[in-house]
Amino acid sequence: MTLDNFEPEQLPGFQFIDHVAIAVLQGTLDAQVNAYRRMGFRELHREEVLGNDQVREVLLQIGKSQNLIQLLEPLNDSSPVQKMIDRQNGKGGLAHVGLRVKSAQEAYQYLSENGFRLIDAGPRPGSRGTTIFFVHPKSRDDHPFGVLYEIVEDPNDKLKED
């Protein structure tokens, strides 16, 4: 099936870029937050995410938009974010891009059925009450993304009714 044959209602309900996640080195989260504040960003949320993630996160709002920057500081050496930093010779940087969807379950099913390599066994709880899952950067053998994508459903999303 070519893209020309896809109807928008067949697609998994992608809405917009929810956030861009940036990995920061252990012990630098507050300094990073202060640097973003000086650029006019506003802190919306702060949370320690345990389980498999093992990160401290801060969500920063860009102006009055829906777009967010998510800073991720690894809590320990077993954090996937720390492992990414280690692979980058001790440097932080782009961790992933979060894409907002209407329904994480529908998006998961669609992507799974259409040959995408998904990291999670199914949608799972994320920070700030969201439901999430990750799409592998090498998801497509024919055209790998090269970027880790987090698929995000926000139960407080005002656009879901649209």
C-alpha atoms as a PDB file:
ATOM      1  CA  MET A   1       0.000   0.000   0.000  1.00  0.00           C
ATOM      2  CA  THR A   2       1.413   3.407  -0.959  1.00  0.00           C
ATOM      3  CA  LEU A   3       0.936   6.599   0.994  1.00  0.00           C
ATOM      4  CA  ASP A   4      -1.452   7.757  -1.713  1.00  0.00           C
ATOM      5  CA  ASN A   5      -3.847   4.999  -0.591  1.00  0.00           C
ATOM      6  CA  PHE A   6      -3.910   6.079   3.070  1.00  0.00           C
ATOM      7  CA  GLU A   7      -6.920   8.004   4.266  1.00  0.00           C
ATOM      8  CA  PRO A   8      -6.323  10.305   7.265  1.00  0.00           C
ATOM      9  CA  GLU A   9      -8.816   8.322   9.371  1.00  0.00           C
ATOM     10  CA  GLN A  10      -6.658   5.197   8.826  1.00  0.00           C
ATOM     11  CA  LEU A  11      -3.631   6.845  10.382  1.00  0.00           C
ATOM     12  CA  PRO A  12      -2.958   6.707  14.123  1.00  0.00           C
ATOM     13  CA  GLY A  13      -4.100  10.226  15.048  1.00  0.00           C
ATOM     14  CA  PHE A  14      -0.799  12.100  15.255  1.00  0.00           C
ATOM     15  CA  GLN A  15      -1.525  15.684  16.316  1.00  0.00           C
ATOM     16  CA  PHE A  16       1.700  17.629  16.888  1.00  0.00           C
ATOM     17  CA  ILE A  17       5.166  17.533  18.425  1.00  0.00           C
ATOM     18  CA  ASP A  18       4.541  17.254  22.155  1.00  0.00           C
ATOM     19  CA  HIS A  19       8.119  17.761  23.265  1.00  0.00           C
ATOM     20  CA  VAL A  20      11.780  17.533  22.390  1.00  0.00           C
ATOM     21  CA  ALA A  21      13.714  15.653  25.077  1.00  0.00           C
ATOM     22  CA  ILE A  22      17.258  16.700  25.887  1.00  0.00           C
ATOM     23  CA  ALA A  23      19.573  14.517  27.988  1.00  0.00           C
ATOM     24  CA  VAL A  24      21.630  16.451  30.529  1.00  0.00           C
ATOM     25  CA  LEU A  25      24.551  15.221  32.617  1.00  0.00           C
ATOM     26  CA  GLN A  26      24.013  14.058  36.185  1.00  0.00           C
ATOM     27  CA  GLY A  27      24.111  16.999  38.579  1.00  0.00           C
ATOM     28  CA  THR A  28      23.409  19.669  35.932  1.00  0.00           C
ATOM     29  CA  LEU A  29      19.600  19.684  35.738  1.00  0.00           C
ATOM     30  CA  ASP A  30      19.007  22.816  37.822  1.00  0.00           C
ATOM     31  CA  ALA A  31      21.702  24.777  35.990  1.00  0.00           C
ATOM     32  CA  GLN A  32      20.146  23.727  32.675  1.00  0.00           C
ATOM     33  CA  VAL A  33      16.667  24.785  33.861  1.00  0.00           C
ATOM     34  CA  ASN A  34      18.054  28.189  34.883  1.00  0.00           C
ATOM     35  CA  ALA A  35      19.654  28.644  31.451  1.00  0.00           C
ATOM     36  CA  TYR A  36      16.328  27.911  29.734  1.00  0.00           C
ATOM     37  CA  ARG A  37      14.532  30.303  32.115  1.00  0.00           C
ATOM     38  CA  ARG A  38      16.909  33.053  31.027  1.00  0.00           C
ATOM     39  CA  MET A  39      15.686  32.414  27.464  1.00  0.00           C
ATOM     40  CA  GLY A  40      12.068  32.873  28.592  1.00  0.00           C
ATOM     41  CA  PHE A  41      11.028  29.264  29.124  1.00  0.00           C
ATOM     42  CA  ARG A  42       8.690  28.447  32.002  1.00  0.00           C
ATOM     43  CA  GLU A  43       8.875  25.318  34.166  1.00  0.00           C
ATOM     44  CA  LEU A  44       5.587  23.384  34.010  1.00  0.00           C
ATOM     45  CA  HIS A  45       6.384  20.076  35.636  1.00  0.00           C
ATOM     46  CA  ARG A  46       9.117  18.305  37.578  1.00  0.00           C
ATOM     47  CA  GLU A  47       9.136  14.611  38.419  1.00  0.00           C
ATOM     48  CA  GLU A  48      11.374  11.640  39.158  1.00  0.00           C
ATOM     49  CA  VAL A  49      10.444   8.826  36.799  1.00  0.00           C
ATOM     50  CA  LEU A  50      11.543   5.473  38.191  1.00  0.00           C
ATOM     51  CA  GLY A  51      10.893   1.999  36.750  1.00  0.00           C
ATOM     52  CA  ASN A  52      12.873   1.373  33.576  1.00  0.00           C
ATOM     53  CA  ASP A  53      13.433   5.080  32.908  1.00  0.00           C
ATOM     54  CA  GLN A  54      15.374   6.168  36.029  1.00  0.00           C
ATOM     55  CA  VAL A  55      15.398   9.892  35.237  1.00  0.00           C
ATOM     56  CA  ARG A  56      14.579  13.216  36.793  1.00  0.00           C
ATOM     57  CA  GLU A  57      12.613  15.267  34.296  1.00  0.00           C
ATOM     58  CA  VAL A  58      11.617  18.889  33.952  1.00  0.00           C
ATOM     59  CA  LEU A  59       9.143  20.077  31.335  1.00  0.00           C
ATOM     60  CA  LEU A  60       9.632  23.612  30.080  1.00  0.00           C
ATOM     61  CA  GLN A  61       7.053  25.529  28.060  1.00  0.00           C
ATOM     62  CA  ILE A  62       8.113  27.519  25.031  1.00  0.00           C
ATOM     63  CA  GLY A  63       6.256  30.837  25.297  1.00  0.00           C
ATOM     64  CA  LYS A  64       2.515  30.178  25.449  1.00  0.00           C
ATOM     65  CA  SER A  65       2.629  27.338  22.930  1.00  0.00           C
ATOM     66  CA  GLN A  66       1.841  23.651  23.441  1.00  0.00           C
ATOM     67  CA  ASN A  67       5.449  22.822  22.564  1.00  0.00           C
ATOM     68  CA  LEU A  68       7.667  21.642  25.367  1.00  0.00           C
ATOM     69  CA  ILE A  69      11.316  20.971  26.049  1.00  0.00           C
ATOM     70  CA  GLN A  70      11.848  18.001  28.357  1.00  0.00           C
ATOM     71  CA  LEU A  71      15.148  17.900  30.204  1.00  0.00           C
ATOM     72  CA  LEU A  72      16.162  14.407  31.343  1.00  0.00           C
ATOM     73  CA  GLU A  73      18.809  13.842  33.997  1.00  0.00           C
ATOM     74  CA  PRO A  74      19.752  10.207  34.665  1.00  0.00           C
ATOM     75  CA  LEU A  75      19.328   9.115  38.273  1.00  0.00           C
ATOM     76  CA  ASN A  76      21.990   6.413  38.035  1.00  0.00           C
ATOM     77  CA  ASP A  77      24.290   4.530  35.670  1.00  0.00           C
ATOM     78  CA  SER A  78      21.577   2.013  34.695  1.00  0.00           C
ATOM     79  CA  SER A  79      19.299   4.733  33.289  1.00  0.00           C
ATOM     80  CA  PRO A  80      18.802   4.438  29.504  1.00  0.00           C
ATOM     81  CA  VAL A  81      19.528   8.172  29.341  1.00  0.00           C
ATOM     82  CA  GLN A  82      22.903   7.645  31.046  1.00  0.00           C
ATOM     83  CA  LYS A  83      23.675   4.833  28.605  1.00  0.00           C
ATOM     84  CA  MET A  84      22.875   7.196  25.729  1.00  0.00           C
ATOM     85  CA  ILE A  85      25.190   9.833  27.233  1.00  0.00           C
ATOM     86  CA  ASP A  86      27.917   7.195  27.568  1.00  0.00           C
ATOM     87  CA  ARG A  87      27.513   6.225  23.874  1.00  0.00           C
ATOM     88  CA  GLN A  88      27.963   9.926  23.029  1.00  0.00           C
ATOM     89  CA  ASN A  89      31.319  10.128  24.843  1.00  0.00           C
ATOM     90  CA  GLY A  90      29.850  11.744  27.969  1.00  0.00           C
ATOM     91  CA  LYS A  91      27.843  14.425  26.176  1.00  0.00           C
ATOM     92  CA  GLY A  92      24.163  15.196  26.551  1.00  0.00           C
ATOM     93  CA  GLY A  93      21.914  16.163  23.685  1.00  0.00           C
ATOM     94  CA  LEU A  94      18.828  15.033  21.823  1.00  0.00           C
ATOM     95  CA  ALA A  95      17.279  12.041  23.601  1.00  0.00           C
ATOM     96  CA  HIS A  96      14.002  11.717  21.680  1.00  0.00           C
ATOM     97  CA  VAL A  97      11.096  13.565  20.108  1.00  0.00           C
ATOM     98  CA  GLY A  98       7.641  13.171  21.642  1.00  0.00           C
ATOM     99  CA  LEU A  99       4.698  13.009  19.239  1.00  0.00           C
ATOM    100  CA  ARG A 100       1.171  13.622  20.569  1.00  0.00           C
ATOM    101  CA  VAL A 101      -1.573  11.230  19.550  1.00  0.00           C
ATOM    102  CA  LYS A 102      -5.263  11.038  20.345  1.00  0.00           C
ATOM    103  CA  SER A 103      -5.031   7.405  21.481  1.00  0.00           C
ATOM    104  CA  ALA A 104      -1.798   5.641  22.431  1.00  0.00           C
ATOM    105  CA  GLN A 105      -3.500   2.265  22.148  1.00  0.00           C
ATOM    106  CA  GLU A 106      -4.739   2.944  18.606  1.00  0.00           C
ATOM    107  CA  ALA A 107      -1.343   4.337  17.564  1.00  0.00           C
ATOM    108  CA  TYR A 108       0.431   1.328  19.086  1.00  0.00           C
ATOM    109  CA  GLN A 109      -1.833  -1.106  17.254  1.00  0.00           C
ATOM    110  CA  TYR A 110      -1.489   0.745  13.950  1.00  0.00           C
ATOM    111  CA  LEU A 111       2.318   1.007  14.127  1.00  0.00           C
ATOM    112  CA  SER A 112       2.654  -2.606  15.249  1.00  0.00           C
ATOM    113  CA  GLU A 113       0.448  -3.851  12.402  1.00  0.00           C
ATOM    114  CA  ASN A 114       2.395  -1.761   9.884  1.00  0.00           C
ATOM    115  CA  GLY A 115       5.853  -3.142  10.637  1.00  0.00           C
ATOM    116  CA  PHE A 116       7.297  -0.545  12.981  1.00  0.00           C
ATOM    117  CA  ARG A 117       9.722  -1.762  15.653  1.00  0.00           C
ATOM    118  CA  LEU A 118       8.284  -0.759  19.019  1.00  0.00           C
ATOM    119  CA  ILE A 119      10.391  -0.780  22.169  1.00  0.00           C
ATOM    120  CA  ASP A 120       7.596  -1.201  24.710  1.00  0.00           C
ATOM    121  CA  ALA A 121       5.356  -4.296  24.903  1.00  0.00           C
ATOM    122  CA  GLY A 122       2.374  -1.919  24.919  1.00  0.00           C
ATOM    123  CA  PRO A 123       1.399   1.586  25.974  1.00  0.00           C
ATOM    124  CA  ARG A 124       2.451   2.313  29.549  1.00  0.00           C
ATOM    125  CA  PRO A 125       2.150   5.111  32.112  1.00  0.00           C
ATOM    126  CA  GLY A 126       4.407   8.089  31.476  1.00  0.00           C
ATOM    127  CA  SER A 127       5.123  11.238  33.429  1.00  0.00           C
ATOM    128  CA  ARG A 128       2.441  13.883  34.128  1.00  0.00           C
ATOM    129  CA  GLY A 129      -0.315  11.266  33.837  1.00  0.00           C
ATOM    130  CA  THR A 130       0.332  10.478  30.173  1.00  0.00           C
ATOM    131  CA  THR A 131       0.273   7.143  28.377  1.00  0.00           C
ATOM    132  CA  ILE A 132       3.367   6.488  26.253  1.00  0.00           C
ATOM    133  CA  PHE A 133       5.417   4.054  24.219  1.00  0.00           C
ATOM    134  CA  PHE A 134       8.626   4.320  22.205  1.00  0.00           C
ATOM    135  CA  VAL A 135       9.350   3.690  18.523  1.00  0.00           C
ATOM    136  CA  HIS A 136      12.881   2.432  17.849  1.00  0.00           C
ATOM    137  CA  PRO A 137      15.215   4.693  15.803  1.00  0.00           C
ATOM    138  CA  LYS A 138      15.943   1.726  13.520  1.00  0.00           C
ATOM    139  CA  SER A 139      12.257   0.948  13.316  1.00  0.00           C
ATOM    140  CA  ARG A 140      12.070   0.554   9.566  1.00  0.00           C
ATOM    141  CA  ASP A 141      14.651  -1.560   7.754  1.00  0.00           C
ATOM    142  CA  ASP A 142      13.814   0.235   4.507  1.00  0.00           C
ATOM    143  CA  HIS A 143      14.126   3.767   5.935  1.00  0.00           C
ATOM    144  CA  PRO A 144      15.387   3.963   9.559  1.00  0.00           C
ATOM    145  CA  PHE A 145      14.412   7.144  11.408  1.00  0.00           C
ATOM    146  CA  GLY A 146      17.678   7.643  13.256  1.00  0.00           C
ATOM    147  CA  VAL A 147      15.665   9.316  16.046  1.00  0.00           C
ATOM    148  CA  LEU A 148      13.933   7.736  19.024  1.00  0.00           C
ATOM    149  CA  TYR A 149      10.245   8.700  19.077  1.00  0.00           C
ATOM    150  CA  GLU A 150       8.031   8.726  22.148  1.00  0.00           C
ATOM    151  CA  ILE A 151       4.333   8.472  21.372  1.00  0.00           C
ATOM    152  CA  VAL A 152       2.322  10.442  23.953  1.00  0.00           C
ATOM    153  CA  GLU A 153      -1.364  10.462  24.834  1.00  0.00           C
ATOM    154  CA  ASP A 154      -2.316  13.165  27.320  1.00  0.00           C
ATOM    155  CA  PRO A 155      -5.600  12.551  29.176  1.00  0.00           C
ATOM    156  CA  ASN A 156      -5.908  16.310  29.734  1.00  0.00           C
ATOM    157  CA  ASP A 157      -5.620  17.039  25.996  1.00  0.00           C
ATOM    158  CA  LYS A 158      -8.278  19.588  25.060  1.00  0.00           C
ATOM    159  CA  LEU A 159      -7.879  18.705  21.352  1.00  0.00           C
ATOM    160  CA  LYS A 160      -9.203  15.159  21.791  1.00  0.00           C
ATOM    161  CA  GLU A 161     -12.761  16.369  21.384  1.00  0.00           C
ATOM    162  CA  ASP A 162     -11.971  17.915  17.981  1.00  0.00           C
END
